[in-house]
Amino acid sequence: MTYRIAFPLLALLAVGACNAKDATAPMTQTKNLSVSAASRDVSDDGEDSPRAGTFHAHKNCSQYSGLPGGFCTLTESTLKQIPDGTTVVYASAVTPTALSSDVMLVSPKPGNNVAFGHVELNRVTRTGTATFSGGTGKFQHFSASVAITFVSPANWSWDGTYSFGNNGEGN
């Protein structure tokens, strides 16, 4: 009976040990894997992607708890680098009249692609703004300014401008 449990656990350990970010792998190997993964994510957007412009997105907050760590999900986006399914994670709790919180845009695509920003939302007028500046992966030199408007219960609209700087030459 013990062997029935031990064998699957041993198999899970073996599979976990084969992970590309194995703690026992030489640091140079792990570093090279991270660099190549980041390169794939950046080139994934193609040379034809505009470096600046306007975009529109819809956000659904039916799963938003109102607590720190609560999130909403983008259900539509015209900006290729922020695909549908991107989550907007809030660092602070909502109050009865406002939301003032740092936020992260977390891409559903593989890689460490997170944008950092801040949101100011007036819950009485149901309008607000979000600003983004930098992040990780493809969002390292990203900036955006977004106007937020209420669409229907749990649904919000984003209209804004964005830009991607080149290797520290500006946001």
N, C-alpha and C. Protein backbone atom coordinates (compact mmCIF):
# COMPACT_ATOMS: atom_id res chain seq x y z
N MET A 1 0.83 -1.19 0.00
CA MET A 1 0.00 0.00 0.00
C MET A 1 0.87 1.26 0.00
N THR A 2 1.96 1.26 0.75
CA THR A 2 2.85 2.42 0.81
C THR A 2 3.47 2.69 -0.54
N TYR A 3 3.76 1.64 -1.32
CA TYR A 3 4.39 1.82 -2.62
C TYR A 3 3.45 2.51 -3.61
N ARG A 4 2.12 2.32 -3.46
CA ARG A 4 1.17 2.98 -4.35
C ARG A 4 1.23 4.50 -4.20
N ILE A 5 1.50 4.96 -3.00
CA ILE A 5 1.59 6.40 -2.75
C ILE A 5 3.01 6.90 -3.06
N ALA A 6 4.00 6.11 -2.69
CA ALA A 6 5.39 6.54 -2.85
C ALA A 6 5.77 6.70 -4.31
N PHE A 7 5.35 5.82 -5.18
CA PHE A 7 5.73 5.89 -6.59
C PHE A 7 5.23 7.17 -7.27
N PRO A 8 3.93 7.54 -7.13
CA PRO A 8 3.49 8.79 -7.75
C PRO A 8 4.22 10.02 -7.19
N LEU A 9 4.50 10.01 -5.87
CA LEU A 9 5.23 11.13 -5.30
C LEU A 9 6.64 11.20 -5.85
N LEU A 10 7.29 10.07 -6.02
CA LEU A 10 8.62 10.02 -6.60
C LEU A 10 8.59 10.53 -8.04
N ALA A 11 7.56 10.16 -8.79
CA ALA A 11 7.42 10.61 -10.17
C ALA A 11 7.25 12.13 -10.24
N LEU A 12 6.45 12.69 -9.32
CA LEU A 12 6.28 14.14 -9.28
C LEU A 12 7.59 14.85 -8.96
N LEU A 13 8.34 14.30 -8.04
CA LEU A 13 9.64 14.88 -7.72
C LEU A 13 10.58 14.85 -8.91
N ALA A 14 10.56 13.75 -9.64
CA ALA A 14 11.43 13.63 -10.81
C ALA A 14 11.05 14.63 -11.89
N VAL A 15 9.75 14.80 -12.12
CA VAL A 15 9.28 15.76 -13.12
C VAL A 15 9.64 17.18 -12.69
N GLY A 16 9.45 17.49 -11.41
CA GLY A 16 9.81 18.81 -10.89
C GLY A 16 11.29 19.08 -11.03
N ALA A 17 12.10 18.06 -10.87
CA ALA A 17 13.55 18.22 -10.97
C ALA A 17 13.98 18.52 -12.40
N CYS A 18 13.14 18.22 -13.37
CA CYS A 18 13.48 18.46 -14.78
C CYS A 18 13.11 19.87 -15.24
N ASN A 19 12.63 20.70 -14.34
CA ASN A 19 12.25 22.06 -14.66
C ASN A 19 13.46 22.82 -15.20
N ALA A 20 13.25 23.69 -16.20
CA ALA A 20 14.34 24.46 -16.81
C ALA A 20 15.00 25.41 -15.82
N LYS A 21 14.32 25.80 -14.78
CA LYS A 21 14.89 26.70 -13.79
C LYS A 21 15.30 25.91 -12.55
N ASP A 22 15.86 24.78 -12.76
CA ASP A 22 16.32 23.90 -11.70
C ASP A 22 17.33 24.63 -10.83
N ALA A 23 17.13 24.56 -9.52
CA ALA A 23 18.02 25.25 -8.59
C ALA A 23 19.44 24.71 -8.64
N THR A 24 19.62 23.49 -9.13
CA THR A 24 20.96 22.92 -9.18
C THR A 24 21.66 23.21 -10.50
N ALA A 25 20.99 23.85 -11.44
CA ALA A 25 21.60 24.16 -12.73
C ALA A 25 22.64 25.26 -12.55
N PRO A 26 23.70 25.24 -13.33
CA PRO A 26 24.69 26.33 -13.25
C PRO A 26 24.03 27.67 -13.54
N MET A 27 24.47 28.70 -12.85
CA MET A 27 23.87 30.03 -13.01
C MET A 27 23.95 30.53 -14.46
N THR A 28 25.02 30.21 -15.16
CA THR A 28 25.13 30.68 -16.54
C THR A 28 24.06 30.05 -17.40
N GLN A 29 23.72 28.79 -17.14
CA GLN A 29 22.68 28.13 -17.92
C GLN A 29 21.33 28.79 -17.63
N THR A 30 21.02 29.04 -16.37
CA THR A 30 19.76 29.66 -16.00
C THR A 30 19.67 31.07 -16.58
N LYS A 31 20.77 31.83 -16.52
CA LYS A 31 20.78 33.19 -17.07
C LYS A 31 20.53 33.16 -18.57
N ASN A 32 21.16 32.26 -19.29
CA ASN A 32 20.97 32.18 -20.73
C ASN A 32 19.54 31.81 -21.08
N LEU A 33 18.91 30.92 -20.29
CA LEU A 33 17.52 30.56 -20.54
C LEU A 33 16.62 31.78 -20.37
N SER A 34 16.87 32.58 -19.33
CA SER A 34 16.05 33.77 -19.10
C SER A 34 16.22 34.78 -20.22
N VAL A 35 17.44 34.98 -20.68
CA VAL A 35 17.70 35.93 -21.77
C VAL A 35 17.02 35.49 -23.05
N SER A 36 17.11 34.20 -23.38
CA SER A 36 16.49 33.73 -24.62
C SER A 36 14.97 33.79 -24.53
N ALA A 37 14.40 33.53 -23.35
CA ALA A 37 12.95 33.61 -23.19
C ALA A 37 12.49 35.05 -23.35
N ALA A 38 13.23 36.00 -22.77
CA ALA A 38 12.87 37.41 -22.90
C ALA A 38 12.95 37.86 -24.35
N SER A 39 13.97 37.39 -25.07
CA SER A 39 14.12 37.75 -26.48
C SER A 39 12.96 37.25 -27.30
N ARG A 40 12.50 36.03 -27.01
CA ARG A 40 11.36 35.49 -27.74
C ARG A 40 10.13 36.34 -27.49
N ASP A 41 9.89 36.77 -26.23
CA ASP A 41 8.72 37.56 -25.91
C ASP A 41 8.75 38.90 -26.62
N VAL A 42 9.90 39.56 -26.66
CA VAL A 42 9.99 40.86 -27.30
C VAL A 42 9.79 40.72 -28.80
N SER A 43 10.43 39.77 -29.43
CA SER A 43 10.30 39.61 -30.88
C SER A 43 8.94 39.08 -31.28
N ASP A 44 8.20 38.53 -30.31
CA ASP A 44 6.87 38.01 -30.55
C ASP A 44 5.93 39.09 -31.07
N ASP A 45 6.20 40.36 -30.71
CA ASP A 45 5.33 41.44 -31.11
C ASP A 45 5.60 41.92 -32.52
N GLY A 46 6.70 41.51 -33.10
CA GLY A 46 6.99 41.82 -34.50
C GLY A 46 7.45 43.23 -34.71
N GLU A 47 8.13 43.43 -35.80
CA GLU A 47 8.65 44.74 -36.16
C GLU A 47 7.53 45.70 -36.57
N ASP A 48 6.37 45.16 -36.96
CA ASP A 48 5.31 46.01 -37.46
C ASP A 48 4.46 46.63 -36.35
N SER A 49 4.72 46.31 -35.09
CA SER A 49 3.95 46.88 -33.99
C SER A 49 4.32 48.34 -33.80
N PRO A 50 3.32 49.24 -33.74
CA PRO A 50 3.61 50.66 -33.51
C PRO A 50 4.25 50.85 -32.13
N ARG A 51 5.18 51.80 -32.02
CA ARG A 51 5.86 52.09 -30.75
C ARG A 51 5.08 53.09 -29.91
N ALA A 52 4.05 53.72 -30.48
CA ALA A 52 3.23 54.68 -29.75
C ALA A 52 1.89 54.81 -30.47
N GLY A 53 0.88 55.24 -29.73
CA GLY A 53 -0.42 55.44 -30.36
C GLY A 53 -1.54 55.46 -29.33
N THR A 54 -2.74 55.16 -29.82
CA THR A 54 -3.91 55.11 -28.94
C THR A 54 -4.39 53.67 -28.85
N PHE A 55 -5.11 53.38 -27.79
CA PHE A 55 -5.70 52.06 -27.66
C PHE A 55 -7.00 52.13 -26.87
N HIS A 56 -7.76 51.07 -26.99
CA HIS A 56 -9.05 50.93 -26.31
C HIS A 56 -9.10 49.54 -25.68
N ALA A 57 -9.69 49.44 -24.51
CA ALA A 57 -9.85 48.14 -23.86
C ALA A 57 -11.14 48.12 -23.04
N HIS A 58 -11.67 46.93 -22.84
CA HIS A 58 -12.80 46.71 -21.94
C HIS A 58 -12.32 45.83 -20.80
N LYS A 59 -12.80 46.15 -19.60
CA LYS A 59 -12.37 45.43 -18.41
C LYS A 59 -13.60 44.91 -17.68
N ASN A 60 -13.56 43.64 -17.27
CA ASN A 60 -14.64 43.03 -16.50
C ASN A 60 -14.16 42.81 -15.08
N CYS A 61 -14.93 43.29 -14.12
CA CYS A 61 -14.55 43.20 -12.71
C CYS A 61 -15.50 42.34 -11.90
N SER A 62 -16.16 41.38 -12.55
CA SER A 62 -17.10 40.53 -11.82
C SER A 62 -16.42 39.68 -10.75
N GLN A 63 -15.11 39.44 -10.87
CA GLN A 63 -14.38 38.66 -9.86
C GLN A 63 -13.61 39.55 -8.88
N TYR A 64 -13.72 40.87 -9.01
CA TYR A 64 -12.97 41.79 -8.16
C TYR A 64 -13.51 41.76 -6.74
N SER A 65 -12.62 41.53 -5.77
CA SER A 65 -13.02 41.41 -4.36
C SER A 65 -13.05 42.74 -3.63
N GLY A 66 -12.38 43.76 -4.17
CA GLY A 66 -12.29 45.04 -3.48
C GLY A 66 -11.17 45.08 -2.45
N LEU A 67 -10.49 43.98 -2.26
CA LEU A 67 -9.39 43.88 -1.30
C LEU A 67 -8.04 43.95 -2.01
N PRO A 68 -6.96 44.23 -1.27
CA PRO A 68 -5.64 44.18 -1.89
C PRO A 68 -5.41 42.81 -2.54
N GLY A 69 -4.88 42.82 -3.76
CA GLY A 69 -4.70 41.58 -4.51
C GLY A 69 -5.89 41.25 -5.39
N GLY A 70 -6.99 41.99 -5.25
CA GLY A 70 -8.16 41.78 -6.10
C GLY A 70 -7.81 42.12 -7.54
N PHE A 71 -8.56 41.54 -8.47
CA PHE A 71 -8.21 41.76 -9.88
C PHE A 71 -9.44 41.86 -10.76
N CYS A 72 -9.24 42.48 -11.91
CA CYS A 72 -10.20 42.53 -13.00
C CYS A 72 -9.50 41.93 -14.22
N THR A 73 -10.28 41.59 -15.25
CA THR A 73 -9.70 40.97 -16.44
C THR A 73 -10.08 41.75 -17.69
N LEU A 74 -9.08 42.04 -18.51
CA LEU A 74 -9.36 42.72 -19.78
C LEU A 74 -9.99 41.70 -20.73
N THR A 75 -11.15 42.06 -21.26
CA THR A 75 -11.87 41.16 -22.16
C THR A 75 -11.72 41.57 -23.62
N GLU A 76 -11.20 42.76 -23.83
CA GLU A 76 -10.98 43.26 -25.20
C GLU A 76 -9.87 44.29 -25.14
N SER A 77 -8.96 44.24 -26.09
CA SER A 77 -7.89 45.23 -26.15
C SER A 77 -7.44 45.40 -27.59
N THR A 78 -7.26 46.64 -28.00
CA THR A 78 -6.75 46.91 -29.35
C THR A 78 -5.23 46.99 -29.38
N LEU A 79 -4.58 46.91 -28.22
CA LEU A 79 -3.13 46.96 -28.14
C LEU A 79 -2.57 45.54 -28.06
N LYS A 80 -1.82 45.16 -29.07
CA LYS A 80 -1.30 43.80 -29.20
C LYS A 80 -0.51 43.34 -27.97
N GLN A 81 0.26 44.25 -27.38
CA GLN A 81 1.08 43.89 -26.23
C GLN A 81 0.27 43.68 -24.95
N ILE A 82 -0.99 44.10 -24.94
CA ILE A 82 -1.89 43.87 -23.80
C ILE A 82 -3.06 43.04 -24.31
N PRO A 83 -2.89 41.72 -24.40
CA PRO A 83 -3.92 40.87 -25.01
C PRO A 83 -5.13 40.67 -24.10
N ASP A 84 -6.21 40.21 -24.70
CA ASP A 84 -7.38 39.80 -23.93
C ASP A 84 -6.91 38.78 -22.90
N GLY A 85 -7.50 38.84 -21.71
CA GLY A 85 -7.11 37.91 -20.64
C GLY A 85 -6.07 38.50 -19.70
N THR A 86 -5.52 39.67 -20.03
CA THR A 86 -4.58 40.33 -19.13
C THR A 86 -5.33 40.70 -17.86
N THR A 87 -4.70 40.46 -16.70
CA THR A 87 -5.35 40.82 -15.44
C THR A 87 -4.79 42.14 -14.93
N VAL A 88 -5.66 42.90 -14.28
CA VAL A 88 -5.31 44.16 -13.63
C VAL A 88 -5.39 43.87 -12.13
N VAL A 89 -4.24 43.83 -11.46
CA VAL A 89 -4.19 43.46 -10.04
C VAL A 89 -4.00 44.72 -9.21
N TYR A 90 -4.86 44.91 -8.20
CA TYR A 90 -4.86 46.10 -7.37
C TYR A 90 -4.13 45.86 -6.05
N ALA A 91 -3.28 46.82 -5.65
CA ALA A 91 -2.50 46.69 -4.42
C ALA A 91 -3.26 47.16 -3.18
N SER A 92 -4.24 48.03 -3.36
CA SER A 92 -4.97 48.61 -2.22
C SER A 92 -6.45 48.26 -2.29
N ALA A 93 -7.09 48.40 -1.14
CA ALA A 93 -8.53 48.13 -1.06
C ALA A 93 -9.33 49.33 -1.56
N VAL A 94 -10.51 49.06 -2.05
CA VAL A 94 -11.43 50.09 -2.50
C VAL A 94 -12.15 50.66 -1.28
N THR A 95 -12.53 51.94 -1.34
CA THR A 95 -13.36 52.56 -0.30
C THR A 95 -14.76 52.75 -0.88
N PRO A 96 -15.72 53.16 -0.08
CA PRO A 96 -17.08 53.35 -0.63
C PRO A 96 -17.15 54.40 -1.74
N THR A 97 -16.23 55.38 -1.75
CA THR A 97 -16.32 56.45 -2.74
C THR A 97 -15.17 56.50 -3.73
N ALA A 98 -14.09 55.75 -3.48
CA ALA A 98 -12.93 55.88 -4.37
C ALA A 98 -12.05 54.64 -4.37
N LEU A 99 -11.21 54.60 -5.38
CA LEU A 99 -10.14 53.60 -5.44
C LEU A 99 -8.88 54.36 -5.84
N SER A 100 -7.89 54.33 -4.97
CA SER A 100 -6.58 54.92 -5.25
C SER A 100 -5.58 53.83 -4.96
N SER A 101 -5.02 53.25 -6.03
CA SER A 101 -4.20 52.06 -5.83
C SER A 101 -3.12 51.93 -6.88
N ASP A 102 -1.98 51.39 -6.48
CA ASP A 102 -1.00 50.94 -7.45
C ASP A 102 -1.58 49.69 -8.11
N VAL A 103 -1.25 49.48 -9.37
CA VAL A 103 -1.77 48.34 -10.12
C VAL A 103 -0.66 47.68 -10.93
N MET A 104 -0.91 46.45 -11.30
CA MET A 104 -0.03 45.73 -12.21
C MET A 104 -0.88 45.14 -13.33
N LEU A 105 -0.42 45.26 -14.57
CA LEU A 105 -1.02 44.56 -15.70
C LEU A 105 -0.20 43.28 -15.86
N VAL A 106 -0.85 42.13 -15.73
CA VAL A 106 -0.15 40.86 -15.81
C VAL A 106 -0.63 40.12 -17.06
N SER A 107 0.27 39.94 -17.99
CA SER A 107 -0.05 39.29 -19.27
C SER A 107 -0.32 37.81 -19.08
N PRO A 108 -1.30 37.27 -19.81
CA PRO A 108 -1.57 35.83 -19.74
C PRO A 108 -0.58 35.02 -20.57
N LYS A 109 0.22 35.70 -21.39
CA LYS A 109 1.20 35.00 -22.23
C LYS A 109 2.42 34.62 -21.41
N PRO A 110 3.14 33.59 -21.83
CA PRO A 110 4.34 33.18 -21.09
C PRO A 110 5.38 34.28 -21.04
N GLY A 111 6.15 34.28 -19.98
CA GLY A 111 7.20 35.28 -19.82
C GLY A 111 6.89 36.18 -18.65
N ASN A 112 7.85 36.96 -18.25
CA ASN A 112 7.70 37.86 -17.13
C ASN A 112 7.37 39.25 -17.66
N ASN A 113 6.13 39.43 -18.12
CA ASN A 113 5.71 40.68 -18.73
C ASN A 113 4.64 41.34 -17.86
N VAL A 114 5.09 42.29 -17.04
CA VAL A 114 4.20 42.98 -16.10
C VAL A 114 4.42 44.48 -16.23
N ALA A 115 3.33 45.24 -16.35
CA ALA A 115 3.41 46.70 -16.39
C ALA A 115 2.98 47.24 -15.03
N PHE A 116 3.64 48.32 -14.58
CA PHE A 116 3.35 48.92 -13.28
C PHE A 116 2.66 50.25 -13.47
N GLY A 117 1.65 50.52 -12.64
CA GLY A 117 0.93 51.77 -12.76
C GLY A 117 0.19 52.16 -11.51
N HIS A 118 -0.67 53.16 -11.66
CA HIS A 118 -1.48 53.67 -10.55
C HIS A 118 -2.85 54.07 -11.11
N VAL A 119 -3.89 53.79 -10.34
CA VAL A 119 -5.25 54.13 -10.75
C VAL A 119 -5.89 55.05 -9.70
N GLU A 120 -6.63 56.04 -10.19
CA GLU A 120 -7.46 56.93 -9.37
C GLU A 120 -8.87 56.84 -9.93
N LEU A 121 -9.79 56.28 -9.17
CA LEU A 121 -11.16 56.09 -9.64
C LEU A 121 -12.14 56.71 -8.65
N ASN A 122 -13.02 57.58 -9.14
CA ASN A 122 -14.08 58.16 -8.33
C ASN A 122 -15.29 57.26 -8.50
N ARG A 123 -15.68 56.58 -7.45
CA ARG A 123 -16.79 55.62 -7.55
C ARG A 123 -18.15 56.32 -7.58
N VAL A 124 -18.20 57.60 -7.24
CA VAL A 124 -19.45 58.36 -7.29
C VAL A 124 -19.74 58.75 -8.74
N THR A 125 -18.75 59.36 -9.41
CA THR A 125 -18.94 59.77 -10.81
C THR A 125 -18.67 58.63 -11.79
N ARG A 126 -18.07 57.55 -11.28
CA ARG A 126 -17.72 56.38 -12.10
C ARG A 126 -16.77 56.72 -13.24
N THR A 127 -15.80 57.57 -12.94
CA THR A 127 -14.77 57.94 -13.90
C THR A 127 -13.41 57.92 -13.19
N GLY A 128 -12.36 57.82 -13.97
CA GLY A 128 -11.04 57.83 -13.37
C GLY A 128 -9.94 57.83 -14.39
N THR A 129 -8.72 57.71 -13.89
CA THR A 129 -7.54 57.66 -14.75
C THR A 129 -6.60 56.57 -14.25
N ALA A 130 -5.82 56.07 -15.16
CA ALA A 130 -4.75 55.13 -14.82
C ALA A 130 -3.52 55.58 -15.59
N THR A 131 -2.38 55.50 -14.94
CA THR A 131 -1.12 55.82 -15.60
C THR A 131 -0.17 54.64 -15.39
N PHE A 132 0.59 54.32 -16.40
CA PHE A 132 1.55 53.22 -16.35
C PHE A 132 2.92 53.75 -16.74
N SER A 133 3.93 53.24 -16.05
CA SER A 133 5.29 53.65 -16.34
C SER A 133 6.25 52.51 -16.01
N GLY A 134 6.71 51.86 -17.06
CA GLY A 134 7.68 50.79 -16.89
C GLY A 134 7.10 49.47 -16.45
N GLY A 135 7.99 48.52 -16.26
CA GLY A 135 7.59 47.19 -15.86
C GLY A 135 8.71 46.21 -16.14
N THR A 136 8.33 44.98 -16.39
CA THR A 136 9.31 43.93 -16.68
C THR A 136 9.05 43.37 -18.07
N GLY A 137 10.06 42.67 -18.61
CA GLY A 137 9.90 42.06 -19.94
C GLY A 137 9.61 43.11 -20.99
N LYS A 138 8.60 42.88 -21.80
CA LYS A 138 8.29 43.81 -22.88
C LYS A 138 7.73 45.15 -22.38
N PHE A 139 7.41 45.25 -21.09
CA PHE A 139 6.90 46.50 -20.53
C PHE A 139 7.98 47.34 -19.85
N GLN A 140 9.25 46.98 -20.03
CA GLN A 140 10.34 47.68 -19.36
C GLN A 140 10.34 49.18 -19.68
N HIS A 141 10.06 49.57 -20.91
CA HIS A 141 10.08 50.97 -21.31
C HIS A 141 8.69 51.42 -21.78
N PHE A 142 7.66 50.91 -21.13
CA PHE A 142 6.26 51.17 -21.48
C PHE A 142 5.72 52.33 -20.65
N SER A 143 4.91 53.17 -21.27
CA SER A 143 4.16 54.18 -20.53
C SER A 143 2.80 54.34 -21.20
N ALA A 144 1.80 54.66 -20.37
CA ALA A 144 0.45 54.85 -20.90
C ALA A 144 -0.34 55.76 -19.96
N SER A 145 -1.31 56.43 -20.53
CA SER A 145 -2.26 57.25 -19.79
C SER A 145 -3.65 56.86 -20.26
N VAL A 146 -4.52 56.49 -19.31
CA VAL A 146 -5.81 55.90 -19.66
C VAL A 146 -6.95 56.64 -18.96
N ALA A 147 -8.02 56.93 -19.70
CA ALA A 147 -9.26 57.45 -19.13
C ALA A 147 -10.18 56.26 -18.89
N ILE A 148 -10.74 56.16 -17.69
CA ILE A 148 -11.60 55.03 -17.32
C ILE A 148 -13.04 55.52 -17.22
N THR A 149 -13.96 54.80 -17.87
CA THR A 149 -15.38 55.13 -17.79
C THR A 149 -16.21 53.88 -17.52
N PHE A 150 -17.31 54.08 -16.85
CA PHE A 150 -18.25 53.01 -16.51
C PHE A 150 -19.06 52.63 -17.74
N VAL A 151 -19.23 51.33 -17.97
CA VAL A 151 -20.04 50.85 -19.09
C VAL A 151 -21.32 50.23 -18.56
N SER A 152 -21.21 49.28 -17.67
CA SER A 152 -22.35 48.60 -17.06
C SER A 152 -21.83 47.90 -15.80
N PRO A 153 -22.70 47.41 -14.93
CA PRO A 153 -22.21 46.78 -13.71
C PRO A 153 -21.09 45.78 -14.02
N ALA A 154 -19.97 45.97 -13.35
CA ALA A 154 -18.77 45.14 -13.46
C ALA A 154 -17.97 45.36 -14.75
N ASN A 155 -18.41 46.23 -15.63
CA ASN A 155 -17.69 46.47 -16.90
C ASN A 155 -17.28 47.93 -17.03
N TRP A 156 -16.02 48.10 -17.44
CA TRP A 156 -15.43 49.42 -17.56
C TRP A 156 -14.72 49.54 -18.90
N SER A 157 -14.57 50.76 -19.38
CA SER A 157 -13.90 51.01 -20.65
C SER A 157 -12.63 51.81 -20.39
N TRP A 158 -11.58 51.49 -21.13
CA TRP A 158 -10.31 52.22 -21.08
C TRP A 158 -10.05 52.83 -22.46
N ASP A 159 -9.73 54.10 -22.48
CA ASP A 159 -9.29 54.77 -23.70
C ASP A 159 -8.03 55.54 -23.36
N GLY A 160 -6.96 55.30 -24.12
CA GLY A 160 -5.74 55.96 -23.75
C GLY A 160 -4.69 56.02 -24.83
N THR A 161 -3.55 56.55 -24.43
CA THR A 161 -2.38 56.63 -25.29
C THR A 161 -1.26 55.81 -24.65
N TYR A 162 -0.35 55.34 -25.47
CA TYR A 162 0.76 54.53 -24.97
C TYR A 162 2.01 54.82 -25.79
N SER A 163 3.15 54.42 -25.21
CA SER A 163 4.41 54.44 -25.96
C SER A 163 5.36 53.42 -25.37
N PHE A 164 6.25 52.95 -26.23
CA PHE A 164 7.31 52.05 -25.83
C PHE A 164 8.63 52.73 -26.18
N GLY A 165 9.46 53.00 -25.16
CA GLY A 165 10.78 53.58 -25.40
C GLY A 165 11.72 52.51 -25.86
N ASN A 166 12.90 52.90 -26.33
CA ASN A 166 13.90 51.95 -26.79
C ASN A 166 15.11 51.95 -25.88
N ASN A 167 15.26 50.87 -25.13
CA ASN A 167 16.47 50.66 -24.31
C ASN A 167 16.88 51.89 -23.50
N GLY A 168 15.96 52.45 -22.75
CA GLY A 168 16.29 53.56 -21.88
C GLY A 168 16.31 54.91 -22.56
N GLU A 169 15.91 55.00 -23.81
CA GLU A 169 15.90 56.28 -24.53
C GLU A 169 14.62 57.06 -24.25
N GLY A 170 13.94 56.74 -23.19
CA GLY A 170 12.70 57.43 -22.85
C GLY A 170 11.59 56.45 -22.63
N ASN A 171 10.58 56.90 -21.96
CA ASN A 171 9.41 56.06 -21.70
C ASN A 171 8.36 56.40 -22.69
